[in-house]
Amino acid sequence: MKKPPELLKHDAILTNWRSYPEGSIERAKAIGIELLATCTNLEVTIQLWEAKCDIVAKEQAWKPLGLKSREDFIKAVTGRSESVVRKKISAAESARAMRAADPTRTQTEIARELGVTKQAVHKSTKTSPCNKKVDCPDWIKSRPHQATFRKLTPEDQERVRAAGRGSLRGIAIAAGIVKVPTVLDRLRTLWAKASEADRRTFMDEVASGR
């Protein structure tokens, strides 16, 4: 949790807000500290944030601190308006979900889709198990090959590890991850690109046994 604002400072260590009398400054400040901790929690959800905001509204925590409204209280505690905090939490929640659904997606790709910064995605997903750095086999030396290895699914990574040393492409081919075109595949590709004249010449040569 980041450093509490001046508004929440108190001489004593504040415990759970329910421990203090209703309408007291201590109760209001304890609610504010809990709200700030929720806002800065890297794994906070919209549901949890709304639950904390509901407490602020029910307790009218802004009144003992001389503020005018719930919105003023939230801004004084977090340093941001409620709408900005909500947008930040929603984006972080979406980033975690996207990362969990597809661990191979880069932070840049997620940031671009959500319309947020790469730093915001990094911060919101850095506690995710999907974001832990994958250790490459020691025989994969080059950075580009290491980056390619980390983008593989966990299953394909294990297949590469099991296949042993060699070039990453060669191992990937041996493991069945990279499909190499067969002669027939290449013939079909060339046939699709050939002109009508080339096709007639080829068929004539095949018919004559050449």
N, C-alpha and C. Protein backbone atom coordinates (compact mmCIF):
# COMPACT_ATOMS: atom_id res chain seq x y z
N MET A 1 0.85 -1.20 0.00
CA MET A 1 0.00 0.00 0.00
C MET A 1 0.88 1.25 0.00
N LYS A 2 0.49 2.24 -0.80
CA LYS A 2 1.28 3.46 -0.85
C LYS A 2 1.06 4.28 0.42
N LYS A 3 1.89 5.28 0.62
CA LYS A 3 1.84 6.10 1.82
C LYS A 3 0.48 6.80 1.93
N PRO A 4 -0.19 6.67 3.09
CA PRO A 4 -1.51 7.30 3.25
C PRO A 4 -1.42 8.81 3.15
N PRO A 5 -2.46 9.45 2.65
CA PRO A 5 -2.46 10.92 2.57
C PRO A 5 -2.54 11.54 3.96
N GLU A 6 -2.26 12.82 4.03
CA GLU A 6 -2.29 13.53 5.30
C GLU A 6 -3.63 13.37 6.00
N LEU A 7 -4.69 13.31 5.24
CA LEU A 7 -6.05 13.20 5.78
C LEU A 7 -6.21 11.99 6.70
N LEU A 8 -5.48 10.90 6.41
CA LEU A 8 -5.66 9.65 7.16
C LEU A 8 -4.65 9.45 8.28
N LYS A 9 -3.72 10.38 8.45
CA LYS A 9 -2.71 10.23 9.49
C LYS A 9 -3.34 10.32 10.88
N HIS A 10 -2.79 9.49 11.79
CA HIS A 10 -3.34 9.45 13.14
C HIS A 10 -2.24 9.07 14.12
N ASP A 11 -2.35 9.51 15.35
CA ASP A 11 -1.31 9.25 16.35
C ASP A 11 -1.19 7.77 16.69
N ALA A 12 -2.32 7.08 16.74
CA ALA A 12 -2.32 5.66 17.11
C ALA A 12 -2.38 4.80 15.85
N ILE A 13 -2.07 3.51 16.01
CA ILE A 13 -2.21 2.56 14.92
C ILE A 13 -3.68 2.17 14.82
N LEU A 14 -4.26 2.43 13.68
CA LEU A 14 -5.69 2.15 13.52
C LEU A 14 -5.91 0.69 13.17
N THR A 15 -6.89 0.07 13.87
CA THR A 15 -7.23 -1.32 13.59
C THR A 15 -8.47 -1.35 12.70
N ASN A 16 -9.19 -2.44 12.68
CA ASN A 16 -10.39 -2.55 11.85
C ASN A 16 -11.37 -1.44 12.20
N TRP A 17 -11.98 -0.83 11.20
CA TRP A 17 -12.84 0.34 11.40
C TRP A 17 -14.03 0.04 12.31
N ARG A 18 -14.46 -1.23 12.37
CA ARG A 18 -15.61 -1.59 13.21
C ARG A 18 -15.30 -1.45 14.70
N SER A 19 -14.00 -1.33 15.03
CA SER A 19 -13.59 -1.23 16.43
C SER A 19 -13.84 0.15 17.02
N TYR A 20 -14.17 1.13 16.19
CA TYR A 20 -14.30 2.51 16.65
C TYR A 20 -15.77 2.94 16.65
N PRO A 21 -16.11 3.91 17.48
CA PRO A 21 -17.50 4.37 17.59
C PRO A 21 -18.03 4.91 16.25
N GLU A 22 -19.29 4.70 16.00
CA GLU A 22 -19.92 5.22 14.78
C GLU A 22 -19.81 6.74 14.74
N GLY A 23 -19.47 7.25 13.58
CA GLY A 23 -19.38 8.69 13.40
C GLY A 23 -18.09 9.30 13.91
N SER A 24 -17.17 8.47 14.39
CA SER A 24 -15.91 9.02 14.92
C SER A 24 -14.88 9.23 13.80
N ILE A 25 -13.94 10.12 14.07
CA ILE A 25 -12.87 10.39 13.11
C ILE A 25 -12.01 9.13 12.91
N GLU A 26 -11.77 8.41 14.02
CA GLU A 26 -10.96 7.20 13.94
C GLU A 26 -11.61 6.16 13.01
N ARG A 27 -12.92 6.02 13.13
CA ARG A 27 -13.65 5.06 12.29
C ARG A 27 -13.54 5.46 10.81
N ALA A 28 -13.70 6.76 10.55
CA ALA A 28 -13.63 7.25 9.17
C ALA A 28 -12.23 7.05 8.59
N LYS A 29 -11.20 7.33 9.39
CA LYS A 29 -9.83 7.16 8.90
C LYS A 29 -9.49 5.69 8.67
N ALA A 30 -9.98 4.82 9.55
CA ALA A 30 -9.74 3.38 9.38
C ALA A 30 -10.41 2.87 8.11
N ILE A 31 -11.60 3.39 7.81
CA ILE A 31 -12.28 3.04 6.56
C ILE A 31 -11.46 3.52 5.36
N GLY A 32 -10.92 4.73 5.48
CA GLY A 32 -10.09 5.28 4.41
C GLY A 32 -8.84 4.47 4.16
N ILE A 33 -8.19 4.01 5.23
CA ILE A 33 -6.98 3.20 5.08
C ILE A 33 -7.31 1.88 4.40
N GLU A 34 -8.44 1.29 4.77
CA GLU A 34 -8.87 0.03 4.14
C GLU A 34 -9.18 0.25 2.66
N LEU A 35 -9.79 1.38 2.35
CA LEU A 35 -10.12 1.70 0.96
C LEU A 35 -8.84 1.89 0.14
N LEU A 36 -7.85 2.57 0.71
CA LEU A 36 -6.59 2.80 0.03
C LEU A 36 -5.86 1.47 -0.21
N ALA A 37 -5.88 0.58 0.77
CA ALA A 37 -5.23 -0.72 0.62
C ALA A 37 -5.89 -1.52 -0.49
N THR A 38 -7.21 -1.42 -0.59
CA THR A 38 -7.93 -2.13 -1.65
C THR A 38 -7.57 -1.56 -3.02
N CYS A 39 -7.51 -0.26 -3.11
CA CYS A 39 -7.19 0.41 -4.38
C CYS A 39 -5.81 0.03 -4.89
N THR A 40 -4.85 -0.14 -4.00
CA THR A 40 -3.47 -0.42 -4.41
C THR A 40 -3.15 -1.92 -4.45
N ASN A 41 -4.13 -2.75 -4.11
CA ASN A 41 -3.95 -4.20 -4.18
C ASN A 41 -3.85 -4.62 -5.65
N LEU A 42 -2.78 -5.31 -6.02
CA LEU A 42 -2.56 -5.67 -7.42
C LEU A 42 -3.58 -6.67 -7.94
N GLU A 43 -4.28 -7.37 -7.04
CA GLU A 43 -5.24 -8.38 -7.48
C GLU A 43 -6.68 -7.99 -7.13
N VAL A 44 -6.92 -6.71 -6.90
CA VAL A 44 -8.26 -6.26 -6.54
C VAL A 44 -9.22 -6.47 -7.71
N THR A 45 -10.48 -6.77 -7.38
CA THR A 45 -11.52 -6.92 -8.39
C THR A 45 -12.52 -5.78 -8.25
N ILE A 46 -13.31 -5.57 -9.28
CA ILE A 46 -14.35 -4.54 -9.23
C ILE A 46 -15.33 -4.84 -8.11
N GLN A 47 -15.66 -6.11 -7.93
CA GLN A 47 -16.61 -6.50 -6.87
C GLN A 47 -16.11 -6.09 -5.49
N LEU A 48 -14.82 -6.31 -5.25
CA LEU A 48 -14.25 -5.95 -3.95
C LEU A 48 -14.21 -4.43 -3.79
N TRP A 49 -13.84 -3.72 -4.84
CA TRP A 49 -13.81 -2.26 -4.79
C TRP A 49 -15.19 -1.70 -4.50
N GLU A 50 -16.21 -2.21 -5.16
CA GLU A 50 -17.57 -1.73 -4.94
C GLU A 50 -18.04 -2.01 -3.51
N ALA A 51 -17.62 -3.16 -2.97
CA ALA A 51 -17.99 -3.48 -1.60
C ALA A 51 -17.39 -2.47 -0.62
N LYS A 52 -16.15 -2.07 -0.85
CA LYS A 52 -15.51 -1.08 0.02
C LYS A 52 -16.15 0.30 -0.13
N CYS A 53 -16.53 0.64 -1.37
CA CYS A 53 -17.21 1.92 -1.60
C CYS A 53 -18.59 1.94 -0.94
N ASP A 54 -19.22 0.79 -0.91
CA ASP A 54 -20.53 0.69 -0.24
C ASP A 54 -20.39 0.95 1.26
N ILE A 55 -19.28 0.51 1.83
CA ILE A 55 -19.03 0.77 3.25
C ILE A 55 -18.86 2.26 3.49
N VAL A 56 -18.12 2.91 2.59
CA VAL A 56 -17.92 4.36 2.70
C VAL A 56 -19.27 5.06 2.68
N ALA A 57 -20.15 4.63 1.76
CA ALA A 57 -21.47 5.27 1.63
C ALA A 57 -22.34 4.99 2.85
N LYS A 58 -22.37 3.75 3.30
CA LYS A 58 -23.21 3.37 4.44
C LYS A 58 -22.77 4.09 5.71
N GLU A 59 -21.46 4.20 5.91
CA GLU A 59 -20.92 4.82 7.12
C GLU A 59 -20.82 6.33 7.00
N GLN A 60 -21.02 6.85 5.76
CA GLN A 60 -20.87 8.29 5.51
C GLN A 60 -19.54 8.77 6.10
N ALA A 61 -18.49 8.07 5.70
CA ALA A 61 -17.16 8.30 6.28
C ALA A 61 -16.60 9.68 5.99
N TRP A 62 -17.16 10.36 5.03
CA TRP A 62 -16.64 11.69 4.68
C TRP A 62 -17.00 12.76 5.71
N LYS A 63 -18.12 12.58 6.40
CA LYS A 63 -18.62 13.62 7.31
C LYS A 63 -17.68 13.93 8.48
N PRO A 64 -17.19 12.89 9.21
CA PRO A 64 -16.29 13.21 10.34
C PRO A 64 -15.01 13.90 9.92
N LEU A 65 -14.64 13.75 8.63
CA LEU A 65 -13.39 14.35 8.15
C LEU A 65 -13.62 15.70 7.47
N GLY A 66 -14.87 16.18 7.53
CA GLY A 66 -15.17 17.51 6.99
C GLY A 66 -15.28 17.56 5.49
N LEU A 67 -15.52 16.41 4.85
CA LEU A 67 -15.68 16.37 3.39
C LEU A 67 -17.16 16.40 3.03
N LYS A 68 -17.45 16.68 1.76
CA LYS A 68 -18.84 16.91 1.36
C LYS A 68 -19.57 15.68 0.83
N SER A 69 -18.82 14.70 0.31
CA SER A 69 -19.49 13.58 -0.33
C SER A 69 -18.59 12.35 -0.39
N ARG A 70 -19.19 11.24 -0.80
CA ARG A 70 -18.44 10.01 -0.99
C ARG A 70 -17.35 10.20 -2.05
N GLU A 71 -17.72 10.90 -3.12
CA GLU A 71 -16.75 11.14 -4.19
C GLU A 71 -15.54 11.93 -3.69
N ASP A 72 -15.81 12.94 -2.83
CA ASP A 72 -14.70 13.72 -2.26
C ASP A 72 -13.82 12.84 -1.37
N PHE A 73 -14.44 11.93 -0.64
CA PHE A 73 -13.71 11.03 0.26
C PHE A 73 -12.79 10.11 -0.56
N ILE A 74 -13.33 9.52 -1.61
CA ILE A 74 -12.54 8.60 -2.44
C ILE A 74 -11.36 9.32 -3.08
N LYS A 75 -11.61 10.53 -3.58
CA LYS A 75 -10.53 11.28 -4.22
C LYS A 75 -9.47 11.69 -3.21
N ALA A 76 -9.90 12.07 -1.99
CA ALA A 76 -8.95 12.48 -0.96
C ALA A 76 -8.08 11.30 -0.51
N VAL A 77 -8.68 10.11 -0.49
CA VAL A 77 -7.96 8.92 -0.02
C VAL A 77 -7.04 8.35 -1.10
N THR A 78 -7.55 8.23 -2.34
CA THR A 78 -6.79 7.56 -3.41
C THR A 78 -6.01 8.52 -4.29
N GLY A 79 -6.39 9.80 -4.27
CA GLY A 79 -5.74 10.76 -5.15
C GLY A 79 -6.33 10.77 -6.55
N ARG A 80 -7.40 9.98 -6.75
CA ARG A 80 -8.05 9.91 -8.05
C ARG A 80 -9.56 9.93 -7.88
N SER A 81 -10.26 10.31 -8.94
CA SER A 81 -11.73 10.26 -8.89
C SER A 81 -12.19 8.81 -8.91
N GLU A 82 -13.42 8.58 -8.48
CA GLU A 82 -13.94 7.21 -8.44
C GLU A 82 -13.96 6.58 -9.84
N SER A 83 -14.30 7.35 -10.85
CA SER A 83 -14.37 6.82 -12.21
C SER A 83 -13.00 6.38 -12.71
N VAL A 84 -11.97 7.16 -12.36
CA VAL A 84 -10.61 6.82 -12.78
C VAL A 84 -10.14 5.54 -12.08
N VAL A 85 -10.44 5.43 -10.79
CA VAL A 85 -10.05 4.23 -10.04
C VAL A 85 -10.76 3.00 -10.61
N ARG A 86 -12.05 3.16 -10.90
CA ARG A 86 -12.83 2.05 -11.44
C ARG A 86 -12.25 1.60 -12.79
N LYS A 87 -11.90 2.57 -13.64
CA LYS A 87 -11.33 2.24 -14.95
C LYS A 87 -10.01 1.50 -14.79
N LYS A 88 -9.18 1.96 -13.85
CA LYS A 88 -7.89 1.33 -13.60
C LYS A 88 -8.06 -0.12 -13.14
N ILE A 89 -8.99 -0.34 -12.22
CA ILE A 89 -9.21 -1.69 -11.70
C ILE A 89 -9.79 -2.60 -12.78
N SER A 90 -10.72 -2.08 -13.57
CA SER A 90 -11.32 -2.87 -14.65
C SER A 90 -10.26 -3.30 -15.67
N ALA A 91 -9.38 -2.36 -16.03
CA ALA A 91 -8.32 -2.67 -16.98
C ALA A 91 -7.37 -3.73 -16.42
N ALA A 92 -7.02 -3.60 -15.14
CA ALA A 92 -6.13 -4.57 -14.50
C ALA A 92 -6.78 -5.95 -14.45
N GLU A 93 -8.06 -5.98 -14.14
CA GLU A 93 -8.79 -7.25 -14.08
C GLU A 93 -8.84 -7.90 -15.46
N SER A 94 -9.08 -7.10 -16.49
CA SER A 94 -9.12 -7.62 -17.86
C SER A 94 -7.75 -8.13 -18.29
N ALA A 95 -6.70 -7.40 -17.91
CA ALA A 95 -5.34 -7.82 -18.27
C ALA A 95 -5.00 -9.16 -17.65
N ARG A 96 -5.37 -9.35 -16.39
CA ARG A 96 -5.11 -10.63 -15.72
C ARG A 96 -5.87 -11.76 -16.40
N ALA A 97 -7.12 -11.50 -16.77
CA ALA A 97 -7.94 -12.53 -17.43
C ALA A 97 -7.36 -12.90 -18.79
N MET A 98 -6.91 -11.89 -19.55
CA MET A 98 -6.34 -12.15 -20.87
C MET A 98 -5.03 -12.91 -20.75
N ARG A 99 -4.25 -12.56 -19.75
CA ARG A 99 -2.96 -13.25 -19.53
C ARG A 99 -3.19 -14.70 -19.14
N ALA A 100 -4.21 -14.94 -18.30
CA ALA A 100 -4.51 -16.30 -17.86
C ALA A 100 -5.05 -17.14 -19.01
N ALA A 101 -5.86 -16.53 -19.88
CA ALA A 101 -6.45 -17.25 -21.00
C ALA A 101 -5.42 -17.61 -22.05
N ASP A 102 -4.41 -16.74 -22.23
CA ASP A 102 -3.37 -16.99 -23.23
C ASP A 102 -2.03 -16.48 -22.72
N PRO A 103 -1.28 -17.33 -22.01
CA PRO A 103 0.00 -16.91 -21.43
C PRO A 103 1.03 -16.47 -22.46
N THR A 104 0.82 -16.82 -23.74
CA THR A 104 1.80 -16.44 -24.76
C THR A 104 1.63 -15.01 -25.24
N ARG A 105 0.53 -14.37 -24.89
CA ARG A 105 0.31 -12.99 -25.32
C ARG A 105 1.26 -12.05 -24.59
N THR A 106 1.84 -11.14 -25.32
CA THR A 106 2.80 -10.22 -24.72
C THR A 106 2.07 -9.08 -24.01
N GLN A 107 2.79 -8.41 -23.13
CA GLN A 107 2.21 -7.27 -22.42
C GLN A 107 1.89 -6.15 -23.40
N THR A 108 2.70 -6.01 -24.44
CA THR A 108 2.44 -4.98 -25.45
C THR A 108 1.12 -5.24 -26.16
N GLU A 109 0.86 -6.50 -26.53
CA GLU A 109 -0.38 -6.86 -27.21
C GLU A 109 -1.59 -6.60 -26.32
N ILE A 110 -1.48 -6.97 -25.05
CA ILE A 110 -2.59 -6.76 -24.11
C ILE A 110 -2.83 -5.27 -23.91
N ALA A 111 -1.76 -4.52 -23.74
CA ALA A 111 -1.89 -3.07 -23.53
C ALA A 111 -2.55 -2.40 -24.73
N ARG A 112 -2.17 -2.82 -25.93
CA ARG A 112 -2.75 -2.23 -27.14
C ARG A 112 -4.24 -2.52 -27.22
N GLU A 113 -4.64 -3.74 -26.89
CA GLU A 113 -6.06 -4.10 -26.97
C GLU A 113 -6.89 -3.39 -25.92
N LEU A 114 -6.33 -3.19 -24.73
CA LEU A 114 -7.07 -2.54 -23.64
C LEU A 114 -6.98 -1.02 -23.69
N GLY A 115 -6.04 -0.50 -24.49
CA GLY A 115 -5.88 0.95 -24.54
C GLY A 115 -5.21 1.52 -23.31
N VAL A 116 -4.29 0.74 -22.71
CA VAL A 116 -3.56 1.20 -21.53
C VAL A 116 -2.06 1.08 -21.81
N THR A 117 -1.24 1.52 -20.86
CA THR A 117 0.20 1.46 -21.06
C THR A 117 0.72 0.06 -20.75
N LYS A 118 1.87 -0.26 -21.33
CA LYS A 118 2.52 -1.54 -21.06
C LYS A 118 2.88 -1.65 -19.58
N GLN A 119 3.28 -0.51 -18.98
CA GLN A 119 3.64 -0.51 -17.55
C GLN A 119 2.44 -0.90 -16.68
N ALA A 120 1.25 -0.42 -17.08
CA ALA A 120 0.04 -0.76 -16.32
C ALA A 120 -0.25 -2.25 -16.39
N VAL A 121 -0.05 -2.83 -17.57
CA VAL A 121 -0.27 -4.27 -17.73
C VAL A 121 0.74 -5.05 -16.91
N HIS A 122 2.00 -4.61 -16.95
CA HIS A 122 3.05 -5.29 -16.19
C HIS A 122 2.72 -5.28 -14.69
N LYS A 123 2.29 -4.14 -14.20
CA LYS A 123 1.99 -4.01 -12.78
C LYS A 123 0.82 -4.88 -12.37
N SER A 124 -0.20 -4.96 -13.22
CA SER A 124 -1.41 -5.70 -12.86
C SER A 124 -1.27 -7.20 -13.02
N THR A 125 -0.28 -7.65 -13.80
CA THR A 125 -0.13 -9.08 -14.04
C THR A 125 1.12 -9.68 -13.43
N LYS A 126 1.93 -8.88 -12.77
CA LYS A 126 3.22 -9.41 -12.31
C LYS A 126 3.09 -10.43 -11.18
N THR A 127 1.93 -10.47 -10.49
CA THR A 127 1.73 -11.48 -9.46
C THR A 127 1.06 -12.73 -10.01
N SER A 128 0.68 -12.69 -11.31
CA SER A 128 0.00 -13.83 -11.90
C SER A 128 0.97 -14.98 -12.13
N PRO A 129 0.55 -16.23 -11.85
CA PRO A 129 1.41 -17.37 -12.12
C PRO A 129 1.80 -17.46 -13.59
N CYS A 130 0.93 -16.93 -14.47
CA CYS A 130 1.20 -16.99 -15.91
C CYS A 130 2.33 -16.05 -16.30
N ASN A 131 2.64 -15.10 -15.42
CA ASN A 131 3.63 -14.09 -15.77
C ASN A 131 5.02 -14.40 -15.23
N LYS A 132 5.16 -15.52 -14.55
CA LYS A 132 6.47 -15.86 -14.02
C LYS A 132 7.42 -16.20 -15.18
N LYS A 133 8.65 -15.74 -15.07
CA LYS A 133 9.61 -15.93 -16.15
C LYS A 133 9.93 -17.41 -16.31
N VAL A 134 9.86 -17.88 -17.55
CA VAL A 134 10.13 -19.28 -17.85
C VAL A 134 11.63 -19.46 -18.04
N ASP A 135 12.20 -20.43 -17.35
CA ASP A 135 13.62 -20.73 -17.52
C ASP A 135 13.83 -21.53 -18.79
N CYS A 136 14.71 -21.02 -19.66
CA CYS A 136 15.00 -21.71 -20.91
C CYS A 136 16.07 -22.79 -20.68
N PRO A 137 16.07 -23.84 -21.49
CA PRO A 137 17.17 -24.81 -21.43
C PRO A 137 18.49 -24.09 -21.68
N ASP A 138 19.54 -24.55 -21.03
CA ASP A 138 20.82 -23.83 -21.12
C ASP A 138 21.42 -23.85 -22.52
N TRP A 139 20.96 -24.77 -23.40
CA TRP A 139 21.52 -24.83 -24.75
C TRP A 139 20.88 -23.82 -25.71
N ILE A 140 19.79 -23.15 -25.25
CA ILE A 140 19.20 -22.09 -26.07
C ILE A 140 19.87 -20.79 -25.66
N LYS A 141 20.82 -20.32 -26.46
CA LYS A 141 21.68 -19.22 -26.08
C LYS A 141 21.18 -17.85 -26.53
N SER A 142 20.70 -17.75 -27.77
CA SER A 142 20.36 -16.43 -28.32
C SER A 142 19.07 -15.90 -27.71
N ARG A 143 19.01 -14.60 -27.52
CA ARG A 143 17.82 -13.97 -26.94
C ARG A 143 16.57 -14.18 -27.80
N PRO A 144 16.67 -14.03 -29.14
CA PRO A 144 15.47 -14.27 -29.95
C PRO A 144 14.92 -15.68 -29.79
N HIS A 145 15.83 -16.68 -29.72
CA HIS A 145 15.39 -18.06 -29.53
C HIS A 145 14.79 -18.27 -28.14
N GLN A 146 15.35 -17.60 -27.14
CA GLN A 146 14.80 -17.70 -25.79
C GLN A 146 13.39 -17.10 -25.74
N ALA A 147 13.22 -15.95 -26.43
CA ALA A 147 11.90 -15.32 -26.47
C ALA A 147 10.90 -16.22 -27.17
N THR A 148 11.34 -16.88 -28.25
CA THR A 148 10.46 -17.81 -28.97
C THR A 148 10.07 -18.98 -28.07
N PHE A 149 11.04 -19.50 -27.34
CA PHE A 149 10.76 -20.62 -26.44
C PHE A 149 9.72 -20.25 -25.39
N ARG A 150 9.83 -19.05 -24.83
CA ARG A 150 8.91 -18.62 -23.77
C ARG A 150 7.50 -18.41 -24.29
N LYS A 151 7.36 -18.19 -25.60
CA LYS A 151 6.03 -17.99 -26.17
C LYS A 151 5.31 -19.31 -26.46
N LEU A 152 6.07 -20.42 -26.38
CA LEU A 152 5.44 -21.73 -26.61
C LEU A 152 4.52 -22.06 -25.44
N THR A 153 3.56 -22.92 -25.68
CA THR A 153 2.70 -23.38 -24.60
C THR A 153 3.53 -24.24 -23.66
N PRO A 154 3.13 -24.39 -22.40
CA PRO A 154 3.88 -25.24 -21.47
C PRO A 154 4.09 -26.66 -22.02
N GLU A 155 3.09 -27.18 -22.73
CA GLU A 155 3.21 -28.53 -23.29
C GLU A 155 4.30 -28.59 -24.34
N ASP A 156 4.32 -27.58 -25.24
CA ASP A 156 5.35 -27.55 -26.28
C ASP A 156 6.73 -27.29 -25.71
N GLN A 157 6.80 -26.50 -24.64
CA GLN A 157 8.09 -26.27 -23.98
C GLN A 157 8.66 -27.59 -23.46
N GLU A 158 7.79 -28.41 -22.88
CA GLU A 158 8.25 -29.70 -22.36
C GLU A 158 8.71 -30.62 -23.49
N ARG A 159 8.02 -30.52 -24.63
CA ARG A 159 8.41 -31.35 -25.78
C ARG A 159 9.79 -30.94 -26.30
N VAL A 160 10.06 -29.63 -26.29
CA VAL A 160 11.37 -29.15 -26.71
C VAL A 160 12.44 -29.61 -25.72
N ARG A 161 12.14 -29.49 -24.42
CA ARG A 161 13.11 -29.92 -23.40
C ARG A 161 13.43 -31.41 -23.57
N ALA A 162 12.38 -32.20 -23.81
CA ALA A 162 12.56 -33.65 -23.92
C ALA A 162 13.34 -34.03 -25.18
N ALA A 163 13.21 -33.23 -26.23
CA ALA A 163 13.87 -33.55 -27.50
C ALA A 163 15.38 -33.38 -27.42
N GLY A 164 15.86 -32.52 -26.50
CA GLY A 164 17.30 -32.39 -26.29
C GLY A 164 17.92 -31.21 -27.00
N ARG A 165 19.23 -31.27 -27.15
CA ARG A 165 19.98 -30.14 -27.70
C ARG A 165 19.87 -30.06 -29.21
N GLY A 166 20.31 -28.91 -29.74
CA GLY A 166 20.29 -28.69 -31.17
C GLY A 166 19.76 -27.30 -31.46
N SER A 167 19.54 -26.99 -32.74
CA SER A 167 18.95 -25.70 -33.07
C SER A 167 17.50 -25.71 -32.62
N LEU A 168 17.00 -24.56 -32.20
CA LEU A 168 15.63 -24.49 -31.71
C LEU A 168 14.65 -24.90 -32.81
N ARG A 169 14.92 -24.49 -34.05
CA ARG A 169 14.03 -24.87 -35.15
C ARG A 169 14.07 -26.39 -35.39
N GLY A 170 15.27 -26.94 -35.34
CA GLY A 170 15.39 -28.38 -35.55
C GLY A 170 14.67 -29.17 -34.47
N ILE A 171 14.81 -28.73 -33.23
CA ILE A 171 14.13 -29.40 -32.12
C ILE A 171 12.62 -29.24 -32.25
N ALA A 172 12.19 -28.04 -32.64
CA ALA A 172 10.75 -27.79 -32.79
C ALA A 172 10.17 -28.65 -33.89
N ILE A 173 10.92 -28.86 -34.97
CA ILE A 173 10.47 -29.73 -36.06
C ILE A 173 10.38 -31.18 -35.56
N ALA A 174 11.43 -31.61 -34.85
CA ALA A 174 11.45 -32.98 -34.34
C ALA A 174 10.32 -33.22 -33.34
N ALA A 175 9.98 -32.18 -32.58
CA ALA A 175 8.92 -32.31 -31.58
C ALA A 175 7.53 -32.18 -32.19
N GLY A 176 7.48 -31.84 -33.47
CA GLY A 176 6.18 -31.72 -34.13
C GLY A 176 5.50 -30.39 -33.92
N ILE A 177 6.24 -29.41 -33.39
CA ILE A 177 5.67 -28.08 -33.14
C ILE A 177 5.64 -27.27 -34.43
N VAL A 178 6.77 -27.34 -35.18
CA VAL A 178 6.86 -26.66 -36.47
C VAL A 178 6.63 -27.69 -37.57
N LYS A 179 5.69 -27.42 -38.44
CA LYS A 179 5.37 -28.33 -39.54
C LYS A 179 6.19 -27.94 -40.77
N VAL A 180 6.98 -28.89 -41.28
CA VAL A 180 7.77 -28.66 -42.48
C VAL A 180 6.97 -29.11 -43.69
N PRO A 181 6.83 -28.26 -44.71
CA PRO A 181 6.06 -28.66 -45.89
C PRO A 181 6.65 -29.90 -46.56
N THR A 182 5.79 -30.80 -46.95
CA THR A 182 6.25 -31.99 -47.69
C THR A 182 6.49 -31.60 -49.15
N VAL A 183 7.05 -32.55 -49.91
CA VAL A 183 7.26 -32.30 -51.35
C VAL A 183 5.93 -32.03 -52.02
N LEU A 184 4.90 -32.80 -51.62
CA LEU A 184 3.57 -32.60 -52.20
C LEU A 184 3.03 -31.22 -51.86
N ASP A 185 3.27 -30.78 -50.62
CA ASP A 185 2.83 -29.42 -50.23
C ASP A 185 3.49 -28.37 -51.11
N ARG A 186 4.81 -28.55 -51.37
CA ARG A 186 5.53 -27.58 -52.18
C ARG A 186 5.06 -27.61 -53.63
N LEU A 187 4.77 -28.82 -54.16
CA LEU A 187 4.26 -28.94 -55.52
C LEU A 187 2.92 -28.21 -55.67
N ARG A 188 2.06 -28.38 -54.66
CA ARG A 188 0.75 -27.71 -54.71
C ARG A 188 0.92 -26.19 -54.71
N THR A 189 1.87 -25.71 -53.90
CA THR A 189 2.11 -24.27 -53.83
C THR A 189 2.62 -23.75 -55.17
N LEU A 190 3.58 -24.47 -55.75
CA LEU A 190 4.13 -24.05 -57.04
C LEU A 190 3.08 -24.13 -58.15
N TRP A 191 2.24 -25.16 -58.08
CA TRP A 191 1.18 -25.31 -59.09
C TRP A 191 0.21 -24.12 -59.03
N ALA A 192 -0.11 -23.69 -57.83
CA ALA A 192 -1.03 -22.57 -57.68
C ALA A 192 -0.44 -21.28 -58.24
N LYS A 193 0.89 -21.18 -58.22
CA LYS A 193 1.55 -19.98 -58.71
C LYS A 193 1.88 -20.04 -60.20
N ALA A 194 1.84 -21.24 -60.78
CA ALA A 194 2.25 -21.42 -62.18
C ALA A 194 1.23 -20.82 -63.14
N SER A 195 1.72 -20.36 -64.28
CA SER A 195 0.82 -19.84 -65.32
C SER A 195 0.18 -21.00 -66.07
N GLU A 196 -0.83 -20.72 -66.87
CA GLU A 196 -1.50 -21.75 -67.65
C GLU A 196 -0.51 -22.41 -68.62
N ALA A 197 0.35 -21.60 -69.20
CA ALA A 197 1.33 -22.15 -70.14
C ALA A 197 2.29 -23.10 -69.45
N ASP A 198 2.75 -22.71 -68.25
CA ASP A 198 3.66 -23.57 -67.49
C ASP A 198 2.97 -24.88 -67.10
N ARG A 199 1.70 -24.80 -66.75
CA ARG A 199 0.96 -26.00 -66.37
C ARG A 199 0.82 -26.96 -67.56
N ARG A 200 0.52 -26.41 -68.75
CA ARG A 200 0.38 -27.25 -69.95
C ARG A 200 1.70 -27.92 -70.29
N THR A 201 2.78 -27.14 -70.19
CA THR A 201 4.10 -27.71 -70.48
C THR A 201 4.43 -28.82 -69.51
N PHE A 202 4.14 -28.59 -68.24
CA PHE A 202 4.41 -29.60 -67.21
C PHE A 202 3.61 -30.87 -67.46
N MET A 203 2.30 -30.72 -67.75
CA MET A 203 1.45 -31.89 -67.97
C MET A 203 1.90 -32.65 -69.20
N ASP A 204 2.34 -31.93 -70.25
CA ASP A 204 2.84 -32.58 -71.46
C ASP A 204 4.09 -33.42 -71.13
N GLU A 205 4.97 -32.84 -70.29
CA GLU A 205 6.20 -33.56 -69.91
C GLU A 205 5.88 -34.78 -69.07
N VAL A 206 4.91 -34.67 -68.18
CA VAL A 206 4.51 -35.82 -67.36
C VAL A 206 3.92 -36.92 -68.25
N ALA A 207 3.07 -36.50 -69.23
CA ALA A 207 2.44 -37.48 -70.13
C ALA A 207 3.46 -38.21 -71.00
N SER A 208 4.53 -37.50 -71.36
CA SER A 208 5.56 -38.12 -72.21
C SER A 208 6.60 -38.88 -71.39
N GLY A 209 6.42 -38.85 -70.07
CA GLY A 209 7.33 -39.62 -69.21
C GLY A 209 8.64 -38.95 -68.96
N ARG A 210 8.75 -37.68 -69.21
CA ARG A 210 10.02 -36.96 -69.01
C ARG A 210 10.21 -36.59 -67.55
